[in-house]
Amino acid sequence: MVNLDESYLNMNPFKLSYGEKRKVAIAAVLACNPSVIIFDEPVLGLENNRKKSLIKIIKLLKNSLSKLL
């Protein structure tokens, strides 16, 4: 859902870009199957293309979770 493949499982988190770190964090939260996710300034410090990508992921999450309710 966050557009990261399995190669990220073995990557050093300190070598990831800022945007990749955010996606890994979202993936980690999703793995816990939460009923609520709260984002605090999720696109702060990201470049425009990465902002759009992250906003798209958040919208997908919202749409998929709202269908379950």
Protein backbone atom coordinates (compact mmCIF):
# COMPACT_ATOMS: atom_id res chain seq x y z
CA MET A 1 0.00 0.00 0.00
CA VAL A 2 2.91 2.41 0.63
CA ASN A 3 4.78 1.43 -2.56
CA LEU A 4 7.80 -0.15 -0.87
CA ASP A 5 9.00 -3.59 -1.90
CA GLU A 6 10.47 -6.32 0.30
CA SER A 7 14.03 -5.04 -0.21
CA TYR A 8 13.30 -2.43 2.47
CA LEU A 9 13.11 -5.17 5.10
CA ASN A 10 16.92 -5.47 5.08
CA MET A 11 17.86 -1.83 4.55
CA ASN A 12 19.62 0.30 7.10
CA PRO A 13 17.02 2.87 8.22
CA PHE A 14 19.72 5.52 8.51
CA LYS A 15 20.39 5.24 4.77
CA LEU A 16 16.77 5.82 3.75
CA SER A 17 15.57 9.15 2.43
CA TYR A 18 13.22 11.24 4.55
CA GLY A 19 10.25 10.21 2.40
CA GLU A 20 11.20 6.54 2.57
CA LYS A 21 11.43 6.75 6.35
CA ARG A 22 7.90 8.16 6.47
CA LYS A 23 6.60 5.36 4.26
CA VAL A 24 8.33 2.72 6.39
CA ALA A 25 6.78 4.29 9.50
CA ILE A 26 3.31 4.17 7.92
CA ALA A 27 3.86 0.56 6.85
CA ALA A 28 4.89 -0.33 10.42
CA VAL A 29 1.72 1.25 11.79
CA LEU A 30 -0.43 -0.55 9.21
CA ALA A 31 1.15 -3.87 10.19
CA CYS A 32 -0.38 -3.40 13.64
CA ASN A 33 -3.87 -3.14 12.06
CA PRO A 34 -4.94 -0.05 14.04
CA SER A 35 -8.52 1.17 14.16
CA VAL A 36 -7.33 4.80 14.10
CA ILE A 37 -4.28 6.47 12.57
CA ILE A 38 -3.37 10.05 13.45
CA PHE A 39 -0.89 11.91 11.26
CA ASP A 40 0.92 14.94 12.65
CA GLU A 41 2.22 17.06 9.77
CA PRO A 42 2.97 14.05 7.52
CA VAL A 43 4.31 16.08 4.59
CA LEU A 44 6.46 18.51 6.56
CA GLY A 45 9.87 18.85 4.94
CA LEU A 46 9.08 16.75 1.87
CA GLU A 47 9.59 17.80 -1.74
CA ASN A 48 6.45 18.41 -3.81
CA ASN A 49 6.54 15.06 -5.63
CA ARG A 50 7.01 13.18 -2.35
CA LYS A 51 4.22 15.25 -0.76
CA LYS A 52 1.85 14.24 -3.54
CA SER A 53 2.86 10.59 -3.19
CA LEU A 54 2.30 10.59 0.57
CA ILE A 55 -1.03 12.42 0.29
CA LYS A 56 -2.12 9.84 -2.27
CA ILE A 57 -1.26 7.03 0.17
CA ILE A 58 -3.18 8.76 2.98
CA LYS A 59 -6.22 9.19 0.73
CA LEU A 60 -6.05 5.51 -0.25
CA LEU A 61 -5.94 4.58 3.44
CA LYS A 62 -8.92 6.81 4.18
CA ASN A 63 -10.97 5.38 1.32
CA SER A 64 -10.14 1.76 2.09
CA LEU A 65 -10.77 2.13 5.82
CA SER A 66 -14.00 4.09 5.38
CA LYS A 67 -15.41 1.23 3.29
CA LEU A 68 -14.87 -1.11 6.21
CA LEU A 69 -16.92 1.03 8.59
